[in-house]
C-alpha cells in the first residue's frame, strides 16, 4: 500500500524553483515527484552519517 501523501505550502526562491522545474522536466517527472525524490535522497544520506 502506498504511503499517504499530504499537501503543504512552502516558499522557494524563484531562481531555485526554475532550476528544480528544469531538473524535473529533464528527469521526466512532475515537480512534486521530483521534490519528493530529492528530499527522500537527502534524508537517506543524512541517516547514513
PDB file of N, CA and C in Angstrom:
ATOM      1  N   UNK A   1       0.833  -1.181   0.000  1.00  0.00           N
ATOM      2  CA  UNK A   1       0.000   0.000   0.000  1.00  0.00           C
ATOM      3  C   UNK A   1       0.885   1.254   0.000  1.00  0.00           C
ATOM      4  N   UNK A   2       0.573   2.205  -0.860  1.00  0.00           N
ATOM      5  CA  UNK A   2       1.358   3.432  -0.956  1.00  0.00           C
ATOM      6  C   UNK A   2       1.145   4.302   0.278  1.00  0.00           C
ATOM      7  N   UNK A   3       2.199   4.988   0.709  1.00  0.00           N
ATOM      8  CA  UNK A   3       2.032   5.882   1.858  1.00  0.00           C
ATOM      9  C   UNK A   3       1.117   7.049   1.495  1.00  0.00           C
ATOM     10  N   UNK A   4       0.406   7.552   2.483  1.00  0.00           N
ATOM     11  CA  UNK A   4      -0.485   8.678   2.246  1.00  0.00           C
ATOM     12  C   UNK A   4       0.336   9.936   1.995  1.00  0.00           C
ATOM     13  N   UNK A   5      -0.144  10.743   1.105  1.00  0.00           N
ATOM     14  CA  UNK A   5       0.525  11.996   0.790  1.00  0.00           C
ATOM     15  C   UNK A   5      -0.205  13.130   1.494  1.00  0.00           C
ATOM     16  N   UNK A   6       0.542  14.154   1.851  1.00  0.00           N
ATOM     17  CA  UNK A   6      -0.041  15.334   2.472  1.00  0.00           C
ATOM     18  C   UNK A   6       0.327  16.554   1.662  1.00  0.00           C
ATOM     19  N   UNK A   7      -0.601  17.481   1.563  1.00  0.00           N
ATOM     20  CA  UNK A   7      -0.334  18.731   0.870  1.00  0.00           C
ATOM     21  C   UNK A   7       0.218  19.736   1.863  1.00  0.00           C
ATOM     22  N   UNK A   8       1.245  20.470   1.402  1.00  0.00           N
ATOM     23  CA  UNK A   8       1.822  21.537   2.205  1.00  0.00           C
ATOM     24  C   UNK A   8       2.022  22.758   1.314  1.00  0.00           C
ATOM     25  N   UNK A   9       2.297  23.860   1.924  1.00  0.00           N
ATOM     26  CA  UNK A   9       2.614  25.071   1.182  1.00  0.00           C
ATOM     27  C   UNK A   9       3.996  25.544   1.636  1.00  0.00           C
ATOM     28  N   UNK A  10       4.884  25.786   0.672  1.00  0.00           N
ATOM     29  CA  UNK A  10       6.228  26.263   1.005  1.00  0.00           C
ATOM     30  C   UNK A  10       6.568  27.457   0.120  1.00  0.00           C
ATOM     31  N   UNK A  11       7.572  28.190   0.538  1.00  0.00           N
ATOM     32  CA  UNK A  11       8.070  29.316  -0.246  1.00  0.00           C
ATOM     33  C   UNK A  11       9.484  28.973  -0.701  1.00  0.00           C
ATOM     34  N   UNK A  12       9.717  29.096  -2.006  1.00  0.00           N
ATOM     35  CA  UNK A  12      11.019  28.767  -2.590  1.00  0.00           C
ATOM     36  C   UNK A  12      11.478  29.956  -3.423  1.00  0.00           C
ATOM     37  N   UNK A  13      12.753  30.261  -3.345  1.00  0.00           N
ATOM     38  CA  UNK A  13      13.315  31.327  -4.177  1.00  0.00           C
ATOM     39  C   UNK A  13      13.049  31.026  -5.651  1.00  0.00           C
ATOM     40  N   UNK A  14      12.716  32.064  -6.405  1.00  0.00           N
ATOM     41  CA  UNK A  14      12.360  31.906  -7.812  1.00  0.00           C
ATOM     42  C   UNK A  14      13.429  31.237  -8.645  1.00  0.00           C
ATOM     43  N   UNK A  15      14.685  31.624  -8.432  1.00  0.00           N
ATOM     44  CA  UNK A  15      15.771  31.030  -9.223  1.00  0.00           C
ATOM     45  C   UNK A  15      15.946  29.548  -8.906  1.00  0.00           C
ATOM     46  N   UNK A  16      15.762  29.176  -7.643  1.00  0.00           N
ATOM     47  CA  UNK A  16      15.853  27.770  -7.251  1.00  0.00           C
ATOM     48  C   UNK A  16      14.697  26.964  -7.846  1.00  0.00           C
ATOM     49  N   UNK A  17      13.507  27.540  -7.824  1.00  0.00           N
ATOM     50  CA  UNK A  17      12.334  26.860  -8.379  1.00  0.00           C
ATOM     51  C   UNK A  17      12.521  26.578  -9.869  1.00  0.00           C
ATOM     52  N   UNK A  18      13.068  27.522 -10.592  1.00  0.00           N
ATOM     53  CA  UNK A  18      13.296  27.305 -12.019  1.00  0.00           C
ATOM     54  C   UNK A  18      14.289  26.168 -12.253  1.00  0.00           C
ATOM     55  N   UNK A  19      15.328  26.091 -11.427  1.00  0.00           N
ATOM     56  CA  UNK A  19      16.304  25.004 -11.558  1.00  0.00           C
ATOM     57  C   UNK A  19      15.661  23.658 -11.238  1.00  0.00           C
ATOM     58  N   UNK A  20      14.802  23.633 -10.211  1.00  0.00           N
ATOM     59  CA  UNK A  20      14.113  22.389  -9.841  1.00  0.00           C
ATOM     60  C   UNK A  20      13.160  21.974 -10.955  1.00  0.00           C
ATOM     61  N   UNK A  21      12.422  22.935 -11.498  1.00  0.00           N
ATOM     62  CA  UNK A  21      11.497  22.631 -12.610  1.00  0.00           C
ATOM     63  C   UNK A  21      12.255  22.059 -13.802  1.00  0.00           C
ATOM     64  N   UNK A  22      13.379  22.656 -14.118  1.00  0.00           N
ATOM     65  CA  UNK A  22      14.185  22.187 -15.249  1.00  0.00           C
ATOM     66  C   UNK A  22      14.684  20.763 -14.997  1.00  0.00           C
ATOM     67  N   UNK A  23      15.164  20.510 -13.785  1.00  0.00           N
ATOM     68  CA  UNK A  23      15.657  19.170 -13.446  1.00  0.00           C
ATOM     69  C   UNK A  23      14.528  18.147 -13.490  1.00  0.00           C
ATOM     70  N   UNK A  24      13.344  18.530 -13.029  1.00  0.00           N
ATOM     71  CA  UNK A  24      12.189  17.623 -13.047  1.00  0.00           C
ATOM     72  C   UNK A  24      11.801  17.277 -14.492  1.00  0.00           C
ATOM     73  N   UNK A  25      11.774  18.281 -15.349  1.00  0.00           N
ATOM     74  CA  UNK A  25      11.450  18.041 -16.765  1.00  0.00           C
ATOM     75  C   UNK A  25      12.492  17.134 -17.406  1.00  0.00           C
ATOM     76  N   UNK A  26      13.751  17.389 -17.116  1.00  0.00           N
ATOM     77  CA  UNK A  26      14.842  16.588 -17.675  1.00  0.00           C
ATOM     78  C   UNK A  26      14.727  15.127 -17.232  1.00  0.00           C
ATOM     79  N   UNK A  27      14.243  14.910 -16.007  1.00  0.00           N
ATOM     80  CA  UNK A  27      14.078  13.569 -15.445  1.00  0.00           C
ATOM     81  C   UNK A  27      12.702  12.981 -15.771  1.00  0.00           C
ATOM     82  N   UNK A  28      11.912  13.722 -16.551  1.00  0.00           N
ATOM     83  CA  UNK A  28      10.562  13.308 -16.963  1.00  0.00           C
ATOM     84  C   UNK A  28       9.668  13.000 -15.754  1.00  0.00           C
ATOM     85  N   UNK A  29       9.673  13.901 -14.777  1.00  0.00           N
ATOM     86  CA  UNK A  29       8.857  13.775 -13.566  1.00  0.00           C
ATOM     87  C   UNK A  29       8.097  15.063 -13.335  1.00  0.00           C
ATOM     88  N   UNK A  30       7.020  14.957 -12.572  1.00  0.00           N
ATOM     89  CA  UNK A  30       6.320  16.167 -12.164  1.00  0.00           C
ATOM     90  C   UNK A  30       7.176  16.891 -11.133  1.00  0.00           C
ATOM     91  N   UNK A  31       6.885  18.145 -10.926  1.00  0.00           N
ATOM     92  CA  UNK A  31       7.626  18.924  -9.932  1.00  0.00           C
ATOM     93  C   UNK A  31       7.502  18.276  -8.564  1.00  0.00           C
ATOM     94  N   UNK A  32       6.297  17.882  -8.199  1.00  0.00           N
ATOM     95  CA  UNK A  32       6.053  17.247  -6.900  1.00  0.00           C
ATOM     96  C   UNK A  32       6.824  15.941  -6.762  1.00  0.00           C
ATOM     97  N   UNK A  33       6.788  15.109  -7.783  1.00  0.00           N
ATOM     98  CA  UNK A  33       7.514  13.839  -7.750  1.00  0.00           C
ATOM     99  C   UNK A  33       9.010  14.075  -7.597  1.00  0.00           C
ATOM    100  N   UNK A  34       9.522  15.061  -8.311  1.00  0.00           N
ATOM    101  CA  UNK A  34      10.956  15.332  -8.257  1.00  0.00           C
ATOM    102  C   UNK A  34      11.383  15.844  -6.889  1.00  0.00           C
ATOM    103  N   UNK A  35      10.599  16.749  -6.326  1.00  0.00           N
ATOM    104  CA  UNK A  35      10.921  17.266  -4.992  1.00  0.00           C
ATOM    105  C   UNK A  35      10.886  16.143  -3.968  1.00  0.00           C
ATOM    106  N   UNK A  36       9.892  15.258  -4.047  1.00  0.00           N
ATOM    107  CA  UNK A  36       9.830  14.102  -3.155  1.00  0.00           C
ATOM    108  C   UNK A  36      11.081  13.237  -3.288  1.00  0.00           C
ATOM    109  N   UNK A  37      11.487  12.973  -4.508  1.00  0.00           N
ATOM    110  CA  UNK A  37      12.668  12.148  -4.764  1.00  0.00           C
ATOM    111  C   UNK A  37      13.922  12.781  -4.170  1.00  0.00           C
ATOM    112  N   UNK A  38      14.104  14.068  -4.389  1.00  0.00           N
ATOM    113  CA  UNK A  38      15.278  14.775  -3.878  1.00  0.00           C
ATOM    114  C   UNK A  38      15.280  14.790  -2.353  1.00  0.00           C
ATOM    115  N   UNK A  39      14.139  15.048  -1.750  1.00  0.00           N
ATOM    116  CA  UNK A  39      14.056  15.079  -0.286  1.00  0.00           C
ATOM    117  C   UNK A  39      14.316  13.696   0.319  1.00  0.00           C
ATOM    118  N   UNK A  40      13.752  12.653  -0.283  1.00  0.00           N
ATOM    119  CA  UNK A  40      13.995  11.296   0.217  1.00  0.00           C
ATOM    120  C   UNK A  40      15.474  10.949   0.144  1.00  0.00           C
ATOM    121  N   UNK A  41      16.111  11.293  -0.976  1.00  0.00           N
ATOM    122  CA  UNK A  41      17.540  11.022  -1.142  1.00  0.00           C
ATOM    123  C   UNK A  41      18.348  11.778  -0.089  1.00  0.00           C
ATOM    124  N   UNK A  42      17.998  13.027   0.141  1.00  0.00           N
ATOM    125  CA  UNK A  42      18.703  13.833   1.145  1.00  0.00           C
ATOM    126  C   UNK A  42      18.549  13.237   2.539  1.00  0.00           C
ATOM    127  N   UNK A  43      17.351  12.844   2.919  1.00  0.00           N
ATOM    128  CA  UNK A  43      17.088  12.254   4.235  1.00  0.00           C
ATOM    129  C   UNK A  43      17.844  10.934   4.389  1.00  0.00           C
ATOM    130  N   UNK A  44      17.863  10.114   3.332  1.00  0.00           N
ATOM    131  CA  UNK A  44      18.600   8.854   3.387  1.00  0.00           C
ATOM    132  C   UNK A  44      20.095   9.090   3.596  1.00  0.00           C
ATOM    133  N   UNK A  45      20.642  10.089   2.914  1.00  0.00           N
ATOM    134  CA  UNK A  45      22.060  10.400   3.091  1.00  0.00           C
ATOM    135  C   UNK A  45      22.353  10.896   4.497  1.00  0.00           C
ATOM    136  N   UNK A  46      21.460  11.670   5.079  1.00  0.00           N
ATOM    137  CA  UNK A  46      21.639  12.130   6.453  1.00  0.00           C
ATOM    138  C   UNK A  46      21.601  10.966   7.429  1.00  0.00           C
ATOM    139  N   UNK A  47      20.744   9.995   7.150  1.00  0.00           N
ATOM    140  CA  UNK A  47      20.612   8.816   8.027  1.00  0.00           C
ATOM    141  C   UNK A  47      21.860   7.949   7.995  1.00  0.00           C
ATOM    142  N   UNK A  48      22.586   7.967   6.886  1.00  0.00           N
ATOM    143  CA  UNK A  48      23.787   7.149   6.738  1.00  0.00           C
ATOM    144  C   UNK A  48      24.965   7.708   7.539  1.00  0.00           C
ATOM    145  N   UNK A  49      24.922   8.978   7.877  1.00  0.00           N
ATOM    146  CA  UNK A  49      26.042   9.613   8.597  1.00  0.00           C
ATOM    147  C   UNK A  49      26.109   9.212  10.029  1.00  0.00           C
TER     148      UNK A  49
END
